[in-house]
Protein backbone atom coordinates (compact mmCIF):
# COMPACT_ATOMS: atom_id res chain seq x y z
CA GLN A 1 13.87 12.47 -8.09
CA VAL A 2 11.11 10.45 -6.40
CA GLN A 3 11.54 8.52 -3.16
CA LEU A 4 8.95 6.45 -1.30
CA VAL A 5 9.17 5.30 2.33
CA GLU A 6 6.65 2.83 3.79
CA THR A 7 5.97 2.59 7.50
CA GLY A 8 3.46 0.86 9.75
CA GLY A 9 4.15 -2.82 9.19
CA ASP A 10 3.98 -4.96 12.32
CA LEU A 11 3.09 -8.28 13.87
CA VAL A 12 -0.66 -8.40 14.51
CA GLN A 13 -3.14 -11.05 15.62
CA PRO A 14 -5.83 -12.34 13.26
CA GLY A 15 -8.76 -9.94 13.25
CA GLY A 16 -6.54 -7.00 14.10
CA SER A 17 -5.89 -3.79 12.20
CA LEU A 18 -2.92 -1.89 10.82
CA ARG A 19 -2.47 1.37 8.96
CA LEU A 20 0.37 1.55 6.46
CA SER A 21 1.74 4.88 5.31
CA CYS A 22 3.89 5.78 2.32
CA ALA A 23 5.53 9.20 2.30
CA VAL A 24 6.68 10.49 -1.08
CA SER A 25 9.40 13.00 -1.86
CA GLY A 26 9.44 14.69 -5.24
CA SER A 27 7.26 16.66 -7.61
CA PHE A 28 3.96 15.82 -9.27
CA PHE A 29 2.55 13.68 -6.46
CA SER A 30 -0.99 14.94 -7.09
CA ALA A 31 -0.77 13.93 -10.76
CA SER A 32 0.36 10.39 -9.97
CA ASP A 33 -1.47 7.11 -9.58
CA LEU A 34 -0.60 5.26 -6.38
CA ASN A 35 -0.78 1.58 -5.54
CA TRP A 36 -0.09 -0.89 -2.77
CA TYR A 37 1.38 -4.25 -3.73
CA ARG A 38 2.31 -7.20 -1.57
CA GLN A 39 4.57 -10.20 -1.94
CA ALA A 40 4.40 -13.31 0.20
CA PRO A 41 7.22 -15.89 0.35
CA GLY A 42 7.23 -18.02 -2.78
CA LYS A 43 4.60 -15.85 -4.45
CA GLU A 44 4.69 -13.20 -7.13
CA ARG A 45 4.09 -9.58 -6.24
CA GLU A 46 0.39 -8.78 -6.52
CA LEU A 47 -1.64 -5.59 -6.62
CA VAL A 48 -3.62 -5.01 -3.44
CA ALA A 49 -5.21 -1.61 -3.98
CA GLY A 50 -4.85 1.44 -6.17
CA ILE A 51 -5.94 5.06 -6.17
CA THR A 52 -5.69 7.34 -9.18
CA SER A 53 -4.95 11.03 -9.39
CA ARG A 54 -8.72 11.51 -9.66
CA TYR A 55 -9.27 9.55 -6.41
CA PHE A 56 -10.78 6.52 -8.11
CA THR A 57 -9.98 3.36 -6.16
CA ASN A 58 -9.75 -0.33 -6.90
CA TYR A 59 -9.09 -3.39 -4.74
CA ALA A 60 -8.07 -6.98 -5.18
CA ASP A 61 -10.90 -9.38 -4.39
CA PRO A 62 -9.28 -10.88 -1.25
CA VAL A 63 -9.15 -7.49 0.48
CA LYS A 64 -12.42 -5.90 -0.66
CA GLY A 65 -14.44 -4.70 2.29
CA ARG A 66 -11.45 -5.00 4.63
CA PHE A 67 -8.80 -2.62 3.24
CA THR A 68 -9.13 1.05 2.34
CA ILE A 69 -6.64 3.04 0.28
CA SER A 70 -6.52 6.83 0.58
CA ARG A 71 -4.23 9.70 -0.29
CA ASP A 72 -3.39 13.11 1.13
CA ASN A 73 -1.93 15.29 -1.60
CA ALA A 74 -0.98 18.06 0.83
CA LYS A 75 1.15 15.60 2.81
CA LYS A 76 2.26 13.63 -0.26
CA THR A 77 1.27 10.44 1.53
CA VAL A 78 -0.76 7.39 0.56
CA TYR A 79 -2.31 5.13 3.20
CA LEU A 80 -3.60 1.59 3.42
CA GLU A 81 -6.02 0.91 6.26
CA MET A 82 -6.13 -2.82 6.92
CA ASN A 83 -8.92 -4.33 9.03
CA SER A 84 -9.99 -7.87 9.92
CA LEU A 85 -6.53 -9.11 9.06
CA LYS A 86 -6.03 -12.75 8.17
CA PRO A 87 -2.91 -14.93 8.16
CA GLU A 88 -3.17 -14.93 4.36
CA ASP A 89 -2.45 -11.19 4.43
CA THR A 90 1.08 -11.86 5.67
CA ALA A 91 3.50 -10.33 3.17
CA VAL A 92 5.88 -7.51 2.47
CA TYR A 93 3.80 -4.54 1.39
CA TYR A 94 5.22 -2.12 -1.18
CA CYS A 95 4.13 1.37 -2.16
CA ASN A 96 4.18 2.15 -5.88
CA LEU A 97 3.89 5.47 -7.70
CA LYS A 98 3.16 5.73 -11.42
CA LEU A 99 3.70 8.90 -13.41
CA ASP A 100 3.53 8.66 -17.18
CA PHE A 101 6.04 5.98 -18.22
CA ARG A 102 7.83 5.96 -14.86
CA ALA A 103 7.23 3.73 -11.85
CA TYR A 104 8.79 4.12 -8.41
CA TRP A 105 8.89 1.70 -5.48
CA GLY A 106 9.46 1.91 -1.76
CA GLN A 107 11.61 -0.49 0.24
CA GLY A 108 8.64 -2.42 1.61
CA THR A 109 7.26 -3.00 5.09
CA GLN A 110 6.59 -6.39 6.68
CA VAL A 111 3.08 -7.30 7.79
CA THR A 112 2.76 -10.53 9.75
CA VAL A 113 -0.63 -11.81 10.88
CA SER A 114 -0.26 -14.60 13.41
CA SER A 115 -1.50 -15.68 16.80
């Protein structure tokens, strides 16, 4: 019914930038809340940023001022613009869609910040 595909993960130097994209197939995209999570080795998956169907946004403290989440309902795509990247940002980043009681996940995309 709903499928999510993340792209854009890469190896980047500290201070660099990346833009992650998550393309969604299925109905009711515009009515859904969308989130980016990340999971580093040995750590639990954590919420990075979220954007609601009303375009309200929220960010985890470590990424505030550096990351920006946005959505394009016409393209059924959610983005995560990542600036001033730090080694601590290294993780697999996952796109998440919430609609009523349902939650859907993408396969994840690897972001590695290293010199």
